[in-house]
Amino acid sequence: KFLDAIGREFEADQQDAEPREAASGSTIPEWPEMLGAAR
């Protein structure tokens, strides 16, 4: 699931006609559920 989300991030970048604004942050909505506290 994590690797698939990373792959979609790269595909979105390659398809963008215009550069994304850095202030918009990542296009990965799953960050909160996929990452968290280190144990």
Full PDB file with SEQRES, HELIX, SHEET, SSBOND, CRYST1, ORIGX, SCALE, CONECT and MASTER records, all heavy atoms in Angstrom:
SEQRES   1 A   39  LYS PHE LEU ASP ALA ILE GLY ARG GLU PHE GLU ALA ASP          
SEQRES   2 A   39  GLN GLN ASP ALA GLU PRO ARG GLU ALA ALA SER GLY SER          
SEQRES   3 A   39  THR ILE PRO GLU TRP PRO GLU MET LEU GLY ALA ALA ARG          
HELIX    1 AA1 PHE A    2  GLN A   15  1                                  14    
HELIX    2 AA2 ALA A   22  SER A   24  5                                   3    
HELIX    3 AA3 TRP A   31  MET A   34  1                                   4    
CRYST1    1.000    1.000    1.000  90.00  90.00  90.00 P 1           1          
ORIGX1      1.000000  0.000000  0.000000        0.00000                         
ORIGX2      0.000000  1.000000  0.000000        0.00000                         
ORIGX3      0.000000  0.000000  1.000000        0.00000                         
SCALE1      1.000000  0.000000  0.000000        0.00000                         
SCALE2      0.000000  1.000000  0.000000        0.00000                         
SCALE3      0.000000  0.000000  1.000000        0.00000                         
ATOM      1  N   LYS A   1       0.834  -1.205   0.000  1.00  0.00           N  
ATOM      2  CA  LYS A   1       0.000   0.000   0.000  1.00  0.00           C  
ATOM      3  C   LYS A   1       0.863   1.248   0.000  1.00  0.00           C  
ATOM      4  O   LYS A   1       0.585   2.222  -0.716  1.00  0.00           O  
ATOM      5  CB  LYS A   1      -0.922  -0.003   1.221  1.00  0.00           C  
ATOM      6  CG  LYS A   1      -1.828   1.212   1.316  1.00  0.00           C  
ATOM      7  CD  LYS A   1      -2.733   1.119   2.539  1.00  0.00           C  
ATOM      8  CE  LYS A   1      -3.642   2.353   2.633  1.00  0.00           C  
ATOM      9  NZ  LYS A   1      -4.535   2.292   3.814  1.00  0.00           N  
ATOM     10  N   PHE A   2       1.921   1.255   0.792  1.00  0.00           N  
ATOM     11  CA  PHE A   2       2.829   2.395   0.853  1.00  0.00           C  
ATOM     12  C   PHE A   2       3.538   2.592  -0.481  1.00  0.00           C  
ATOM     13  O   PHE A   2       3.605   3.705  -1.012  1.00  0.00           O  
ATOM     14  CB  PHE A   2       3.841   2.184   1.979  1.00  0.00           C  
ATOM     15  CG  PHE A   2       4.837   3.292   2.134  1.00  0.00           C  
ATOM     16  CD1 PHE A   2       4.552   4.389   2.921  1.00  0.00           C  
ATOM     17  CD2 PHE A   2       6.068   3.240   1.491  1.00  0.00           C  
ATOM     18  CE1 PHE A   2       5.461   5.421   3.066  1.00  0.00           C  
ATOM     19  CE2 PHE A   2       6.990   4.270   1.630  1.00  0.00           C  
ATOM     20  CZ  PHE A   2       6.678   5.355   2.425  1.00  0.00           C  
ATOM     21  N   LEU A   3       4.075   1.523  -1.055  1.00  0.00           N  
ATOM     22  CA  LEU A   3       4.797   1.627  -2.320  1.00  0.00           C  
ATOM     23  C   LEU A   3       3.872   2.071  -3.447  1.00  0.00           C  
ATOM     24  O   LEU A   3       4.280   2.842  -4.330  1.00  0.00           O  
ATOM     25  CB  LEU A   3       5.452   0.285  -2.657  1.00  0.00           C  
ATOM     26  CG  LEU A   3       6.574  -0.155  -1.710  1.00  0.00           C  
ATOM     27  CD1 LEU A   3       7.007  -1.582  -2.029  1.00  0.00           C  
ATOM     28  CD2 LEU A   3       7.763   0.787  -1.773  1.00  0.00           C  
ATOM     29  N   ASP A   4       2.621   1.623  -3.423  1.00  0.00           N  
ATOM     30  CA  ASP A   4       1.661   2.066  -4.439  1.00  0.00           C  
ATOM     31  C   ASP A   4       1.417   3.573  -4.342  1.00  0.00           C  
ATOM     32  O   ASP A   4       1.310   4.268  -5.361  1.00  0.00           O  
ATOM     33  CB  ASP A   4       0.330   1.320  -4.269  1.00  0.00           C  
ATOM     34  CG  ASP A   4       0.416  -0.138  -4.685  1.00  0.00           C  
ATOM     35  OD1 ASP A   4       1.365  -0.494  -5.412  1.00  0.00           O  
ATOM     36  OD2 ASP A   4      -0.466  -0.920  -4.270  1.00  0.00           O  
ATOM     37  N   ALA A   5       1.301   4.083  -3.116  1.00  0.00           N  
ATOM     38  CA  ALA A   5       1.068   5.521  -2.929  1.00  0.00           C  
ATOM     39  C   ALA A   5       2.254   6.339  -3.430  1.00  0.00           C  
ATOM     40  O   ALA A   5       2.078   7.399  -4.049  1.00  0.00           O  
ATOM     41  CB  ALA A   5       0.805   5.819  -1.450  1.00  0.00           C  
ATOM     42  N   ILE A   6       3.463   5.849  -3.200  1.00  0.00           N  
ATOM     43  CA  ILE A   6       4.654   6.550  -3.709  1.00  0.00           C  
ATOM     44  C   ILE A   6       4.650   6.547  -5.234  1.00  0.00           C  
ATOM     45  O   ILE A   6       4.958   7.552  -5.886  1.00  0.00           O  
ATOM     46  CB  ILE A   6       5.936   5.884  -3.168  1.00  0.00           C  
ATOM     47  CG1 ILE A   6       5.987   5.949  -1.634  1.00  0.00           C  
ATOM     48  CG2 ILE A   6       7.172   6.564  -3.765  1.00  0.00           C  
ATOM     49  CD1 ILE A   6       5.979   7.333  -1.069  1.00  0.00           C  
ATOM     50  N   GLY A   7       4.297   5.423  -5.825  1.00  0.00           N  
ATOM     51  CA  GLY A   7       4.237   5.349  -7.279  1.00  0.00           C  
ATOM     52  C   GLY A   7       3.243   6.337  -7.863  1.00  0.00           C  
ATOM     53  O   GLY A   7       3.509   6.967  -8.901  1.00  0.00           O  
ATOM     54  N   ARG A   8       2.084   6.501  -7.206  1.00  0.00           N  
ATOM     55  CA  ARG A   8       1.095   7.466  -7.697  1.00  0.00           C  
ATOM     56  C   ARG A   8       1.624   8.894  -7.601  1.00  0.00           C  
ATOM     57  O   ARG A   8       1.301   9.749  -8.437  1.00  0.00           O  
ATOM     58  CB  ARG A   8      -0.203   7.332  -6.899  1.00  0.00           C  
ATOM     59  CG  ARG A   8      -0.978   6.060  -7.215  1.00  0.00           C  
ATOM     60  CD  ARG A   8      -2.392   6.138  -6.687  1.00  0.00           C  
ATOM     61  NE  ARG A   8      -2.446   6.257  -5.241  1.00  0.00           N  
ATOM     62  CZ  ARG A   8      -2.445   5.223  -4.404  1.00  0.00           C  
ATOM     63  NH1 ARG A   8      -2.390   3.979  -4.879  1.00  0.00           N  
ATOM     64  NH2 ARG A   8      -2.513   5.409  -3.114  1.00  0.00           N  
ATOM     65  N   GLU A   9       2.443   9.191  -6.603  1.00  0.00           N  
ATOM     66  CA  GLU A   9       3.034  10.517  -6.473  1.00  0.00           C  
ATOM     67  C   GLU A   9       3.917  10.833  -7.672  1.00  0.00           C  
ATOM     68  O   GLU A   9       3.856  11.926  -8.233  1.00  0.00           O  
ATOM     69  CB  GLU A   9       3.845  10.595  -5.174  1.00  0.00           C  
ATOM     70  CG  GLU A   9       4.642  11.871  -4.981  1.00  0.00           C  
ATOM     71  CD  GLU A   9       3.809  13.041  -4.471  1.00  0.00           C  
ATOM     72  OE1 GLU A   9       2.580  12.988  -4.556  1.00  0.00           O  
ATOM     73  OE2 GLU A   9       4.403  14.007  -3.996  1.00  0.00           O  
ATOM     74  N   PHE A  10       4.731   9.877  -8.097  1.00  0.00           N  
ATOM     75  CA  PHE A  10       5.609  10.106  -9.236  1.00  0.00           C  
ATOM     76  C   PHE A  10       4.805  10.234 -10.533  1.00  0.00           C  
ATOM     77  O   PHE A  10       5.133  11.050 -11.400  1.00  0.00           O  
ATOM     78  CB  PHE A  10       6.636   8.985  -9.351  1.00  0.00           C  
ATOM     79  CG  PHE A  10       7.601   8.926  -8.195  1.00  0.00           C  
ATOM     80  CD1 PHE A  10       7.990   7.710  -7.663  1.00  0.00           C  
ATOM     81  CD2 PHE A  10       8.106  10.086  -7.625  1.00  0.00           C  
ATOM     82  CE1 PHE A  10       8.882   7.651  -6.599  1.00  0.00           C  
ATOM     83  CE2 PHE A  10       8.987  10.029  -6.558  1.00  0.00           C  
ATOM     84  CZ  PHE A  10       9.376   8.807  -6.045  1.00  0.00           C  
ATOM     85  N   GLU A  11       3.764   9.429 -10.671  1.00  0.00           N  
ATOM     86  CA  GLU A  11       2.928   9.515 -11.873  1.00  0.00           C  
ATOM     87  C   GLU A  11       2.249  10.880 -11.951  1.00  0.00           C  
ATOM     88  O   GLU A  11       2.164  11.482 -13.027  1.00  0.00           O  
ATOM     89  CB  GLU A  11       1.876   8.412 -11.845  1.00  0.00           C  
ATOM     90  CG  GLU A  11       2.450   7.021 -12.074  1.00  0.00           C  
ATOM     91  CD  GLU A  11       1.417   5.937 -11.906  1.00  0.00           C  
ATOM     92  OE1 GLU A  11       0.218   6.289 -11.719  1.00  0.00           O  
ATOM     93  OE2 GLU A  11       1.787   4.753 -11.943  1.00  0.00           O  
ATOM     94  N   ALA A  12       1.765  11.391 -10.813  1.00  0.00           N  
ATOM     95  CA  ALA A  12       1.116  12.706 -10.801  1.00  0.00           C  
ATOM     96  C   ALA A  12       2.100  13.794 -11.201  1.00  0.00           C  
ATOM     97  O   ALA A  12       1.759  14.723 -11.944  1.00  0.00           O  
ATOM     98  CB  ALA A  12       0.546  12.996  -9.418  1.00  0.00           C  
ATOM     99  N   ASP A  13       3.347  13.669 -10.759  1.00  0.00           N  
ATOM    100  CA  ASP A  13       4.347  14.678 -11.105  1.00  0.00           C  
ATOM    101  C   ASP A  13       4.644  14.667 -12.595  1.00  0.00           C  
ATOM    102  O   ASP A  13       4.743  15.711 -13.232  1.00  0.00           O  
ATOM    103  CB  ASP A  13       5.625  14.435 -10.317  1.00  0.00           C  
ATOM    104  CG  ASP A  13       6.744  15.356 -10.772  1.00  0.00           C  
ATOM    105  OD1 ASP A  13       6.675  16.546 -10.439  1.00  0.00           O  
ATOM    106  OD2 ASP A  13       7.649  14.880 -11.479  1.00  0.00           O  
ATOM    107  N   GLN A  14       4.765  13.474 -13.153  1.00  0.00           N  
ATOM    108  CA  GLN A  14       5.096  13.366 -14.578  1.00  0.00           C  
ATOM    109  C   GLN A  14       3.951  13.864 -15.456  1.00  0.00           C  
ATOM    110  O   GLN A  14       4.172  14.337 -16.571  1.00  0.00           O  
ATOM    111  CB  GLN A  14       5.413  11.910 -14.931  1.00  0.00           C  
ATOM    112  CG  GLN A  14       6.654  11.357 -14.225  1.00  0.00           C  
ATOM    113  CD  GLN A  14       7.938  11.958 -14.728  1.00  0.00           C  
ATOM    114  OE1 GLN A  14       8.203  13.132 -14.521  1.00  0.00           O  
ATOM    115  NE2 GLN A  14       8.763  11.153 -15.390  1.00  0.00           N  
ATOM    116  N   GLN A  15       2.709  13.776 -14.966  1.00  0.00           N  
ATOM    117  CA  GLN A  15       1.551  14.181 -15.758  1.00  0.00           C  
ATOM    118  C   GLN A  15       1.224  15.656 -15.630  1.00  0.00           C  
ATOM    119  O   GLN A  15       0.471  16.194 -16.433  1.00  0.00           O  
ATOM    120  CB  GLN A  15       0.331  13.355 -15.330  1.00  0.00           C  
ATOM    121  CG  GLN A  15       0.459  11.876 -15.683  1.00  0.00           C  
ATOM    122  CD  GLN A  15      -0.610  11.032 -15.040  1.00  0.00           C  
ATOM    123  OE1 GLN A  15      -1.511  11.542 -14.372  1.00  0.00           O  
ATOM    124  NE2 GLN A  15      -0.508   9.727 -15.220  1.00  0.00           N  
ATOM    125  N   ASP A  16       1.785  16.327 -14.610  1.00  0.00           N  
ATOM    126  CA  ASP A  16       1.490  17.743 -14.403  1.00  0.00           C  
ATOM    127  C   ASP A  16       2.067  18.577 -15.537  1.00  0.00           C  
ATOM    128  O   ASP A  16       3.270  18.528 -15.819  1.00  0.00           O  
ATOM    129  CB  ASP A  16       2.074  18.232 -13.071  1.00  0.00           C  
ATOM    130  CG  ASP A  16       1.181  17.861 -11.901  1.00  0.00           C  
ATOM    131  OD1 ASP A  16       0.024  17.492 -12.145  1.00  0.00           O  
ATOM    132  OD2 ASP A  16       1.655  17.951 -10.757  1.00  0.00           O  
ATOM    133  N   ALA A  17       1.219  19.362 -16.168  1.00  0.00           N  
ATOM    134  CA  ALA A  17       1.717  20.271 -17.205  1.00  0.00           C  
ATOM    135  C   ALA A  17       2.431  21.454 -16.596  1.00  0.00           C  
ATOM    136  O   ALA A  17       3.372  22.004 -17.162  1.00  0.00           O  
ATOM    137  CB  ALA A  17       0.554  20.746 -18.076  1.00  0.00           C  
ATOM    138  N   GLU A  18       1.967  21.883 -15.430  1.00  0.00           N  
ATOM    139  CA  GLU A  18       2.581  23.000 -14.730  1.00  0.00           C  
ATOM    140  C   GLU A  18       3.201  22.494 -13.437  1.00  0.00           C  
ATOM    141  O   GLU A  18       2.697  21.555 -12.818  1.00  0.00           O  
ATOM    142  CB  GLU A  18       1.536  24.078 -14.404  1.00  0.00           C  
ATOM    143  CG  GLU A  18       0.892  24.699 -15.627  1.00  0.00           C  
ATOM    144  CD  GLU A  18       1.893  25.475 -16.457  1.00  0.00           C  
ATOM    145  OE1 GLU A  18       2.860  26.001 -15.871  1.00  0.00           O  
ATOM    146  OE2 GLU A  18       1.706  25.559 -17.686  1.00  0.00           O  
ATOM    147  N   PRO A  19       4.299  23.113 -12.966  1.00  0.00           N  
ATOM    148  CA  PRO A  19       4.908  22.694 -11.709  1.00  0.00           C  
ATOM    149  C   PRO A  19       3.966  22.927 -10.547  1.00  0.00           C  
ATOM    150  O   PRO A  19       3.249  23.916 -10.497  1.00  0.00           O  
ATOM    151  CB  PRO A  19       6.150  23.592 -11.589  1.00  0.00           C  
ATOM    152  CG  PRO A  19       5.853  24.757 -12.471  1.00  0.00           C  
ATOM    153  CD  PRO A  19       5.013  24.236 -13.590  1.00  0.00           C  
ATOM    154  N   ARG A  20       3.944  21.980  -9.615  1.00  0.00           N  
ATOM    155  CA  ARG A  20       3.110  22.128  -8.437  1.00  0.00           C  
ATOM    156  C   ARG A  20       3.692  23.156  -7.493  1.00  0.00           C  
ATOM    157  O   ARG A  20       4.901  23.313  -7.391  1.00  0.00           O  
ATOM    158  CB  ARG A  20       2.993  20.789  -7.708  1.00  0.00           C  
ATOM    159  CG  ARG A  20       1.960  19.865  -8.285  1.00  0.00           C  
ATOM    160  CD  ARG A  20       1.999  18.542  -7.558  1.00  0.00           C  
ATOM    161  NE  ARG A  20       3.161  17.763  -7.969  1.00  0.00           N  
ATOM    162  CZ  ARG A  20       3.768  16.898  -7.181  1.00  0.00           C  
ATOM    163  NH1 ARG A  20       3.373  16.749  -5.950  1.00  0.00           N  
ATOM    164  NH2 ARG A  20       4.795  16.211  -7.614  1.00  0.00           N  
ATOM    165  N   GLU A  21       2.828  23.829  -6.772  1.00  0.00           N  
ATOM    166  CA  GLU A  21       3.286  24.744  -5.735  1.00  0.00           C  
ATOM    167  C   GLU A  21       3.770  23.924  -4.549  1.00  0.00           C  
ATOM    168  O   GLU A  21       3.070  23.017  -4.083  1.00  0.00           O  
ATOM    169  CB  GLU A  21       2.132  25.651  -5.277  1.00  0.00           C  
ATOM    170  CG  GLU A  21       1.648  26.609  -6.353  1.00  0.00           C  
ATOM    171  CD  GLU A  21       2.623  27.760  -6.536  1.00  0.00           C  
ATOM    172  OE1 GLU A  21       3.435  27.998  -5.629  1.00  0.00           O  
ATOM    173  OE2 GLU A  21       2.556  28.422  -7.582  1.00  0.00           O  
ATOM    174  N   ALA A  22       4.953  24.228  -4.030  1.00  0.00           N  
ATOM    175  CA  ALA A  22       5.440  23.509  -2.861  1.00  0.00           C  
ATOM    176  C   ALA A  22       4.531  23.728  -1.674  1.00  0.00           C  
ATOM    177  O   ALA A  22       4.391  22.873  -0.818  1.00  0.00           O  
ATOM    178  CB  ALA A  22       6.861  23.960  -2.516  1.00  0.00           C  
ATOM    179  N   ALA A  23       3.886  24.909  -1.599  1.00  0.00           N  
ATOM    180  CA  ALA A  23       3.026  25.199  -0.454  1.00  0.00           C  
ATOM    181  C   ALA A  23       1.815  24.285  -0.409  1.00  0.00           C  
ATOM    182  O   ALA A  23       1.173  24.153   0.616  1.00  0.00           O  
ATOM    183  CB  ALA A  23       2.569  26.654  -0.510  1.00  0.00           C  
ATOM    184  N   SER A  24       1.466  23.647  -1.548  1.00  0.00           N  
ATOM    185  CA  SER A  24       0.325  22.743  -1.540  1.00  0.00           C  
ATOM    186  C   SER A  24       0.662  21.419  -0.889  1.00  0.00           C  
ATOM    187  O   SER A  24      -0.209  20.615  -0.609  1.00  0.00           O  
ATOM    188  CB  SER A  24      -0.151  22.489  -2.981  1.00  0.00           C  
ATOM    189  OG  SER A  24       0.822  21.752  -3.705  1.00  0.00           O  
ATOM    190  N   GLY A  25       1.953  21.188  -0.656  1.00  0.00           N  
ATOM    191  CA  GLY A  25       2.370  19.972   0.008  1.00  0.00           C  
ATOM    192  C   GLY A  25       2.297  18.762  -0.908  1.00  0.00           C  
ATOM    193  O   GLY A  25       2.185  18.849  -2.123  1.00  0.00           O  
ATOM    194  N   SER A  26       2.327  17.574  -0.309  1.00  0.00           N  
ATOM    195  CA  SER A  26       2.317  16.341  -1.065  1.00  0.00           C  
ATOM    196  C   SER A  26       0.919  16.061  -1.606  1.00  0.00           C  
ATOM    197  O   SER A  26      -0.081  16.531  -1.083  1.00  0.00           O  
ATOM    198  CB  SER A  26       2.759  15.193  -0.150  1.00  0.00           C  
ATOM    199  OG  SER A  26       2.573  13.952  -0.778  1.00  0.00           O  
ATOM    200  N   THR A  27       0.860  15.258  -2.674  1.00  0.00           N  
ATOM    201  CA  THR A  27      -0.425  14.817  -3.192  1.00  0.00           C  
ATOM    202  C   THR A  27      -0.828  13.480  -2.584  1.00  0.00           C  
ATOM    203  O   THR A  27      -1.758  12.838  -3.047  1.00  0.00           O  
ATOM    204  CB  THR A  27      -0.361  14.672  -4.720  1.00  0.00           C  
ATOM    205  OG1 THR A  27       0.629  13.684  -5.052  1.00  0.00           O  
ATOM    206  CG2 THR A  27      -0.015  15.983  -5.382  1.00  0.00           C  
ATOM    207  N   ILE A  28      -0.131  13.011  -1.563  1.00  0.00           N  
ATOM    208  CA  ILE A  28      -0.413  11.711  -0.953  1.00  0.00           C  
ATOM    209  C   ILE A  28      -1.349  11.902   0.240  1.00  0.00           C  
ATOM    210  O   ILE A  28      -0.913  12.295   1.324  1.00  0.00           O  
ATOM    211  CB  ILE A  28       0.874  11.000  -0.512  1.00  0.00           C  
ATOM    212  CG1 ILE A  28       1.817  10.820  -1.714  1.00  0.00           C  
ATOM    213  CG2 ILE A  28       0.568   9.656   0.112  1.00  0.00           C  
ATOM    214  CD1 ILE A  28       3.118  10.131  -1.400  1.00  0.00           C  
ATOM    215  N   PRO A  29      -2.655  11.648   0.074  1.00  0.00           N  
ATOM    216  CA  PRO A  29      -3.589  11.871   1.183  1.00  0.00           C  
ATOM    217  C   PRO A  29      -3.465  10.841   2.295  1.00  0.00           C  
ATOM    218  O   PRO A  29      -3.962  11.056   3.398  1.00  0.00           O  
ATOM    219  CB  PRO A  29      -4.960  11.787   0.494  1.00  0.00           C  
ATOM    220  CG  PRO A  29      -4.735  10.893  -0.689  1.00  0.00           C  
ATOM    221  CD  PRO A  29      -3.332  11.178  -1.157  1.00  0.00           C  
ATOM    222  N   GLU A  30      -2.787   9.708   1.992  1.00  0.00           N  
ATOM    223  CA  GLU A  30      -2.722   8.630   2.986  1.00  0.00           C  
ATOM    224  C   GLU A  30      -1.616   8.807   4.017  1.00  0.00           C  
ATOM    225  O   GLU A  30      -1.445   7.954   4.887  1.00  0.00           O  
ATOM    226  CB  GLU A  30      -2.519   7.271   2.278  1.00  0.00           C  
ATOM    227  CG  GLU A  30      -3.579   6.920   1.252  1.00  0.00           C  
ATOM    228  CD  GLU A  30      -3.159   7.279  -0.165  1.00  0.00           C  
ATOM    229  OE1 GLU A  30      -2.339   8.211  -0.326  1.00  0.00           O  
ATOM    230  OE2 GLU A  30      -3.641   6.632  -1.101  1.00  0.00           O  
ATOM    231  N   TRP A  31      -0.812   9.897   3.907  1.00  0.00           N  
ATOM    232  CA  TRP A  31       0.290  10.088   4.855  1.00  0.00           C  
ATOM    233  C   TRP A  31      -0.124   9.832   6.307  1.00  0.00           C  
ATOM    234  O   TRP A  31       0.540   9.075   7.013  1.00  0.00           O  
ATOM    235  CB  TRP A  31       0.838  11.501   4.750  1.00  0.00           C  
ATOM    236  CG  TRP A  31       1.972  11.786   3.788  1.00  0.00           C  
ATOM    237  CD1 TRP A  31       2.341  13.028   3.373  1.00  0.00           C  
ATOM    238  CD2 TRP A  31       2.889  10.890   3.161  1.00  0.00           C  
ATOM    239  NE1 TRP A  31       3.400  12.954   2.505  1.00  0.00           N  
ATOM    240  CE2 TRP A  31       3.771  11.646   2.366  1.00  0.00           C  
ATOM    241  CE3 TRP A  31       3.037   9.512   3.186  1.00  0.00           C  
ATOM    242  CZ2 TRP A  31       4.781  11.090   1.617  1.00  0.00           C  
ATOM    243  CZ3 TRP A  31       4.056   8.947   2.429  1.00  0.00           C  
ATOM    244  CH2 TRP A  31       4.923   9.726   1.667  1.00  0.00           C  
ATOM    245  N   PRO A  32      -1.209  10.474   6.812  1.00  0.00           N  
ATOM    246  CA  PRO A  32      -1.532  10.314   8.240  1.00  0.00           C  
ATOM    247  C   PRO A  32      -1.771   8.873   8.655  1.00  0.00           C  
ATOM    248  O   PRO A  32      -1.406   8.483   9.773  1.00  0.00           O  
ATOM    249  CB  PRO A  32      -2.799  11.166   8.406  1.00  0.00           C  
ATOM    250  CG  PRO A  32      -2.730  12.166   7.308  1.00  0.00           C  
ATOM    251  CD  PRO A  32      -2.111  11.438   6.157  1.00  0.00           C  
ATOM    252  N   GLU A  33      -2.388   8.073   7.792  1.00  0.00           N  
ATOM    253  CA  GLU A  33      -2.682   6.700   8.184  1.00  0.00           C  
ATOM    254  C   GLU A  33      -1.522   5.753   7.894  1.00  0.00           C  
ATOM    255  O   GLU A  33      -1.425   4.688   8.507  1.00  0.00           O  
ATOM    256  CB  GLU A  33      -3.941   6.200   7.472  1.00  0.00           C  
ATOM    257  CG  GLU A  33      -3.830   6.125   5.958  1.00  0.00           C  
ATOM    258  CD  GLU A  33      -5.129   5.702   5.305  1.00  0.00           C  
ATOM    259  OE1 GLU A  33      -6.049   6.543   5.255  1.00  0.00           O  
ATOM    260  OE2 GLU A  33      -5.207   4.545   4.848  1.00  0.00           O  
ATOM    261  N   MET A  34      -0.631   6.122   6.969  1.00  0.00           N  
ATOM    262  CA  MET A  34       0.478   5.231   6.620  1.00  0.00           C  
ATOM    263  C   MET A  34       1.708   5.459   7.479  1.00  0.00           C  
ATOM    264  O   MET A  34       2.517   4.552   7.664  1.00  0.00           O  
ATOM    265  CB  MET A  34       0.848   5.402   5.146  1.00  0.00           C  
ATOM    266  CG  MET A  34      -0.190   4.862   4.190  1.00  0.00           C  
ATOM    267  SD  MET A  34       0.450   4.675   2.511  1.00  0.00           S  
ATOM    268  CE  MET A  34       0.980   6.339   2.157  1.00  0.00           C  
ATOM    269  N   LEU A  35       1.896   6.693   7.972  1.00  0.00           N  
ATOM    270  CA  LEU A  35       3.056   7.004   8.792  1.00  0.00           C  
ATOM    271  C   LEU A  35       2.574   7.493  10.155  1.00  0.00           C  
ATOM    272  O   LEU A  35       1.433   7.882  10.322  1.00  0.00           O  
ATOM    273  CB  LEU A  35       3.927   8.069   8.125  1.00  0.00           C  
ATOM    274  CG  LEU A  35       4.511   7.685   6.767  1.00  0.00           C  
ATOM    275  CD1 LEU A  35       5.201   8.881   6.131  1.00  0.00           C  
ATOM    276  CD2 LEU A  35       5.487   6.525   6.910  1.00  0.00           C  
ATOM    277  N   GLY A  36       3.444   7.498  11.120  1.00  0.00           N  
ATOM    278  CA  GLY A  36       3.057   7.926  12.458  1.00  0.00           C  
ATOM    279  C   GLY A  36       4.223   7.794  13.403  1.00  0.00           C  
ATOM    280  O   GLY A  36       5.392   7.894  13.008  1.00  0.00           O  
ATOM    281  N   ALA A  37       3.926   7.559  14.668  1.00  0.00           N  
ATOM    282  CA  ALA A  37       4.962   7.481  15.690  1.00  0.00           C  
ATOM    283  C   ALA A  37       5.894   6.299  15.435  1.00  0.00           C  
ATOM    284  O   ALA A  37       5.466   5.238  14.967  1.00  0.00           O  
ATOM    285  CB  ALA A  37       4.328   7.355  17.072  1.00  0.00           C  
ATOM    286  N   ALA A  38       7.169   6.503  15.722  1.00  0.00           N  
ATOM    287  CA  ALA A  38       8.151   5.422  15.636  1.00  0.00           C  
ATOM    288  C   ALA A  38       8.069   4.576  16.900  1.00  0.00           C  
ATOM    289  O   ALA A  38       7.936   5.106  18.007  1.00  0.00           O  
ATOM    290  CB  ALA A  38       9.551   5.991  15.470  1.00  0.00           C  
ATOM    291  N   ARG A  39       8.160   3.271  16.730  1.00  0.00           N  
ATOM    292  CA  ARG A  39       8.103   2.361  17.882  1.00  0.00           C  
ATOM    293  C   ARG A  39       9.315   1.440  17.835  1.00  0.00           C  
ATOM    294  O   ARG A  39       9.596   0.807  16.812  1.00  0.00           O  
ATOM    295  CB  ARG A  39       6.813   1.536  17.864  1.00  0.00           C  
ATOM    296  CG  ARG A  39       5.563   2.376  17.778  1.00  0.00           C  
ATOM    297  CD  ARG A  39       4.301   1.549  18.031  1.00  0.00           C  
ATOM    298  NE  ARG A  39       4.202   0.353  17.222  1.00  0.00           N  
ATOM    299  CZ  ARG A  39       3.795   0.323  15.950  1.00  0.00           C  
ATOM    300  NH1 ARG A  39       3.502   1.452  15.324  1.00  0.00           N  
ATOM    301  NH2 ARG A  39       3.694  -0.818  15.299  1.00  0.00           N  
TER     302      ARG A  39                                                      
MASTER        0    0    0    3    0    0    0    6  301    1    0    3          
END                                                                             
